[in-house]
Each structure stands twice: as structure tokens, then as C-alpha cells.
Amino acid sequence: MLVLGLLAGSLGYLLITLLTARAAYGAQRARLIRQEELWHVGDPVDSFEHHDSSSAAVTALLFGLAWPVTVPGYFLLRCATFVITARPPATVEDRERHSADLKQQIRTLEEALERPLEE
């Protein structure tokens, strides 16, 4: 019974490792391709496949192997980032942009009222 428990636990750990590594590889691939688009003229996907795919795979596998630490840490980071950055106090620029947007909406509505209704 102990052997079956160890086998099931090991298979579960391995499955979660592979799923975590796949998600990490996808996120890292997207990030590296976006960076390639900014800095290089050629095909960014082709550049990633030739230069960065193996290092991204190794990094993703290491991330996946450490999933008991990295996955909760990642979610904690996301929650902390959300709490810290949610609804910061408005700056002068934010208020000016909001005022300009409201003025534009008022102009658009006034123009719409001046047009005759179409039937």
C-alpha cells in the first residue's frame, strides 16, 4: 500500500511539474517573442526557435520542478501586485486626461443632438 501511495504521489508530482513547465514555457516564449519584435527586424518566431527555445525550455522545467514553491509564490505575487496597484490616487495628468475625455464626449453628444433624427 505504501508503494502505491509513493507511486501515485510521484506521478502526481511529475504531472503537475509538466503542466507547470508547459505554462511557464508558453509565458516565457510569448515574452521573448515580444522582445524580439522590438529589437530585431527579422521573423521573431524564427529567431526564438533558433536562439532561445532551448534555454526557455530548461528554465521552464526548473520552474516546473520547483512548483510547490513557485506556483504559490507566483499567485502571491499576482495578488500583491493587484492590491498594490489597484486604484492609485489620481495624479494631475490623470485628472486632465479624464477632463479632456469628458469634454470630447460632451462635444460628441452635442453634435449628435444637432443632427436631425433619421427615421
C-alpha atoms as a PDB file:
ATOM      1  CA  MET A   1       0.000   0.000   0.000  1.00  0.00           C
ATOM      2  CA  LEU A   2       2.883   2.329   0.800  1.00  0.00           C
ATOM      3  CA  VAL A   3       4.449   1.638  -2.603  1.00  0.00           C
ATOM      4  CA  LEU A   4       1.215   2.524  -4.396  1.00  0.00           C
ATOM      5  CA  GLY A   5       0.978   5.751  -2.400  1.00  0.00           C
ATOM      6  CA  LEU A   6       4.556   6.688  -3.272  1.00  0.00           C
ATOM      7  CA  LEU A   7       3.972   5.830  -6.925  1.00  0.00           C
ATOM      8  CA  ALA A   8       0.761   7.851  -7.080  1.00  0.00           C
ATOM      9  CA  GLY A   9       2.435  10.794  -5.323  1.00  0.00           C
ATOM     10  CA  SER A  10       5.410  10.672  -7.673  1.00  0.00           C
ATOM     11  CA  LEU A  11       3.192  10.509 -10.744  1.00  0.00           C
ATOM     12  CA  GLY A  12       1.097  13.393  -9.445  1.00  0.00           C
ATOM     13  CA  TYR A  13       4.198  15.475  -8.763  1.00  0.00           C
ATOM     14  CA  LEU A  14       5.528  14.697 -12.240  1.00  0.00           C
ATOM     15  CA  LEU A  15       2.218  15.576 -13.890  1.00  0.00           C
ATOM     16  CA  ILE A  16       1.984  18.906 -12.084  1.00  0.00           C
ATOM     17  CA  THR A  17       5.656  19.545 -12.919  1.00  0.00           C
ATOM     18  CA  LEU A  18       4.974  19.060 -16.628  1.00  0.00           C
ATOM     19  CA  LEU A  19       1.830  21.206 -16.569  1.00  0.00           C
ATOM     20  CA  THR A  20       3.629  23.989 -14.710  1.00  0.00           C
ATOM     21  CA  ALA A  21       6.616  23.777 -17.054  1.00  0.00           C
ATOM     22  CA  ARG A  22       4.327  23.963 -20.087  1.00  0.00           C
ATOM     23  CA  ALA A  23       2.584  27.073 -18.753  1.00  0.00           C
ATOM     24  CA  ALA A  24       5.934  28.681 -17.847  1.00  0.00           C
ATOM     25  CA  TYR A  25       7.357  27.866 -21.291  1.00  0.00           C
ATOM     26  CA  GLY A  26       4.351  29.443 -23.001  1.00  0.00           C
ATOM     27  CA  ALA A  27       4.611  32.617 -20.938  1.00  0.00           C
ATOM     28  CA  GLN A  28       8.357  32.868 -21.451  1.00  0.00           C
ATOM     29  CA  ARG A  29       8.033  32.163 -25.183  1.00  0.00           C
ATOM     30  CA  ALA A  30       5.470  34.951 -25.591  1.00  0.00           C
ATOM     31  CA  ARG A  31       7.641  37.375 -23.617  1.00  0.00           C
ATOM     32  CA  LEU A  32      10.787  36.565 -25.604  1.00  0.00           C
ATOM     33  CA  ILE A  33       8.984  36.852 -28.947  1.00  0.00           C
ATOM     34  CA  ARG A  34       7.606  40.273 -27.934  1.00  0.00           C
ATOM     35  CA  GLN A  35      11.154  41.358 -27.065  1.00  0.00           C
ATOM     36  CA  GLU A  36      12.405  40.063 -30.411  1.00  0.00           C
ATOM     37  CA  GLU A  37       9.744  42.129 -32.189  1.00  0.00           C
ATOM     38  CA  LEU A  38      11.037  45.272 -30.512  1.00  0.00           C
ATOM     39  CA  TRP A  39      14.728  44.769 -31.162  1.00  0.00           C
ATOM     40  CA  HIS A  40      15.083  42.756 -34.391  1.00  0.00           C
ATOM     41  CA  VAL A  41      13.929  43.240 -37.940  1.00  0.00           C
ATOM     42  CA  GLY A  42      13.599  39.559 -38.942  1.00  0.00           C
ATOM     43  CA  ASP A  43      10.967  36.998 -38.042  1.00  0.00           C
ATOM     44  CA  PRO A  44      10.732  36.976 -34.215  1.00  0.00           C
ATOM     45  CA  VAL A  45       9.313  33.440 -34.022  1.00  0.00           C
ATOM     46  CA  ASP A  46      12.114  32.060 -36.197  1.00  0.00           C
ATOM     47  CA  SER A  47      14.687  33.910 -34.088  1.00  0.00           C
ATOM     48  CA  PHE A  48      13.177  32.451 -30.910  1.00  0.00           C
ATOM     49  CA  GLU A  49      13.216  28.918 -32.335  1.00  0.00           C
ATOM     50  CA  HIS A  50      16.886  29.207 -33.312  1.00  0.00           C
ATOM     51  CA  HIS A  51      18.288  31.063 -30.298  1.00  0.00           C
ATOM     52  CA  ASP A  52      16.069  30.987 -27.231  1.00  0.00           C
ATOM     53  CA  SER A  53      13.845  27.904 -27.269  1.00  0.00           C
ATOM     54  CA  SER A  54      16.252  25.545 -25.500  1.00  0.00           C
ATOM     55  CA  SER A  55      17.068  27.970 -22.688  1.00  0.00           C
ATOM     56  CA  ALA A  56      13.360  28.750 -22.285  1.00  0.00           C
ATOM     57  CA  ALA A  57      12.603  25.027 -22.043  1.00  0.00           C
ATOM     58  CA  VAL A  58      15.279  24.449 -19.397  1.00  0.00           C
ATOM     59  CA  THR A  59      14.101  27.450 -17.373  1.00  0.00           C
ATOM     60  CA  ALA A  60      10.501  26.237 -17.626  1.00  0.00           C
ATOM     61  CA  LEU A  61      11.494  22.746 -16.492  1.00  0.00           C
ATOM     62  CA  LEU A  62      13.330  24.137 -13.464  1.00  0.00           C
ATOM     63  CA  PHE A  63      10.325  26.305 -12.695  1.00  0.00           C
ATOM     64  CA  GLY A  64       8.117  23.227 -13.018  1.00  0.00           C
ATOM     65  CA  LEU A  65      10.291  21.079 -10.757  1.00  0.00           C
ATOM     66  CA  ALA A  66      10.051  23.706  -8.031  1.00  0.00           C
ATOM     67  CA  TRP A  67       6.264  24.068  -8.395  1.00  0.00           C
ATOM     68  CA  PRO A  68       5.481  23.631  -4.668  1.00  0.00           C
ATOM     69  CA  VAL A  69       7.301  26.929  -4.113  1.00  0.00           C
ATOM     70  CA  THR A  70       6.954  28.750  -7.425  1.00  0.00           C
ATOM     71  CA  VAL A  71       3.222  28.325  -8.057  1.00  0.00           C
ATOM     72  CA  PRO A  72       2.083  29.678  -4.656  1.00  0.00           C
ATOM     73  CA  GLY A  73       4.778  32.359  -4.901  1.00  0.00           C
ATOM     74  CA  TYR A  74       3.535  33.388  -8.333  1.00  0.00           C
ATOM     75  CA  PHE A  75      -0.064  33.643  -7.130  1.00  0.00           C
ATOM     76  CA  LEU A  76       1.056  35.593  -4.075  1.00  0.00           C
ATOM     77  CA  LEU A  77       2.974  37.980  -6.327  1.00  0.00           C
ATOM     78  CA  ARG A  78      -0.067  38.430  -8.593  1.00  0.00           C
ATOM     79  CA  CYS A  79      -2.344  39.117  -5.614  1.00  0.00           C
ATOM     80  CA  ALA A  80       0.136  41.546  -4.058  1.00  0.00           C
ATOM     81  CA  THR A  81       0.573  43.354  -7.373  1.00  0.00           C
ATOM     82  CA  PHE A  82      -3.195  43.643  -7.760  1.00  0.00           C
ATOM     83  CA  VAL A  83      -3.677  45.000  -4.236  1.00  0.00           C
ATOM     84  CA  ILE A  84      -0.781  47.450  -4.513  1.00  0.00           C
ATOM     85  CA  THR A  85      -1.646  48.800  -7.971  1.00  0.00           C
ATOM     86  CA  ALA A  86      -5.461  48.807  -7.760  1.00  0.00           C
ATOM     87  CA  ARG A  87      -6.944  52.308  -7.942  1.00  0.00           C
ATOM     88  CA  PRO A  88      -3.955  54.503  -7.144  1.00  0.00           C
ATOM     89  CA  PRO A  89      -4.642  58.153  -6.260  1.00  0.00           C
ATOM     90  CA  ALA A  90      -5.270  60.249  -9.364  1.00  0.00           C
ATOM     91  CA  THR A  91      -2.428  62.469 -10.499  1.00  0.00           C
ATOM     92  CA  VAL A  92      -2.799  65.845 -12.167  1.00  0.00           C
ATOM     93  CA  GLU A  93      -2.246  64.194 -15.550  1.00  0.00           C
ATOM     94  CA  ASP A  94      -4.956  61.598 -14.823  1.00  0.00           C
ATOM     95  CA  ARG A  95      -7.454  64.318 -13.924  1.00  0.00           C
ATOM     96  CA  GLU A  96      -6.555  66.337 -17.039  1.00  0.00           C
ATOM     97  CA  ARG A  97      -6.955  63.266 -19.269  1.00  0.00           C
ATOM     98  CA  HIS A  98     -10.314  62.441 -17.665  1.00  0.00           C
ATOM     99  CA  SER A  99     -11.463  66.056 -18.125  1.00  0.00           C
ATOM    100  CA  ALA A 100     -10.413  66.028 -21.797  1.00  0.00           C
ATOM    101  CA  ASP A 101     -12.261  62.727 -22.334  1.00  0.00           C
ATOM    102  CA  LEU A 102     -15.413  64.148 -20.741  1.00  0.00           C
ATOM    103  CA  LYS A 103     -15.209  67.281 -22.897  1.00  0.00           C
ATOM    104  CA  GLN A 104     -14.846  65.124 -26.015  1.00  0.00           C
ATOM    105  CA  GLN A 105     -17.891  63.041 -25.037  1.00  0.00           C
ATOM    106  CA  ILE A 106     -19.909  66.226 -24.431  1.00  0.00           C
ATOM    107  CA  ARG A 107     -18.929  67.554 -27.881  1.00  0.00           C
ATOM    108  CA  THR A 108     -19.907  64.258 -29.486  1.00  0.00           C
ATOM    109  CA  LEU A 109     -23.295  64.255 -27.740  1.00  0.00           C
ATOM    110  CA  GLU A 110     -23.937  67.901 -28.641  1.00  0.00           C
ATOM    111  CA  GLU A 111     -23.143  67.147 -32.301  1.00  0.00           C
ATOM    112  CA  ALA A 112     -25.479  64.162 -32.198  1.00  0.00           C
ATOM    113  CA  LEU A 113     -28.293  66.342 -30.822  1.00  0.00           C
ATOM    114  CA  GLU A 114     -27.858  68.922 -33.601  1.00  0.00           C
ATOM    115  CA  ARG A 115     -28.340  66.308 -36.339  1.00  0.00           C
ATOM    116  CA  PRO A 116     -31.901  65.569 -37.370  1.00  0.00           C
ATOM    117  CA  LEU A 117     -33.279  62.214 -36.284  1.00  0.00           C
ATOM    118  CA  GLU A 118     -33.243  59.593 -39.029  1.00  0.00           C
ATOM    119  CA  GLU A 119     -36.390  57.565 -39.458  1.00  0.00           C
END
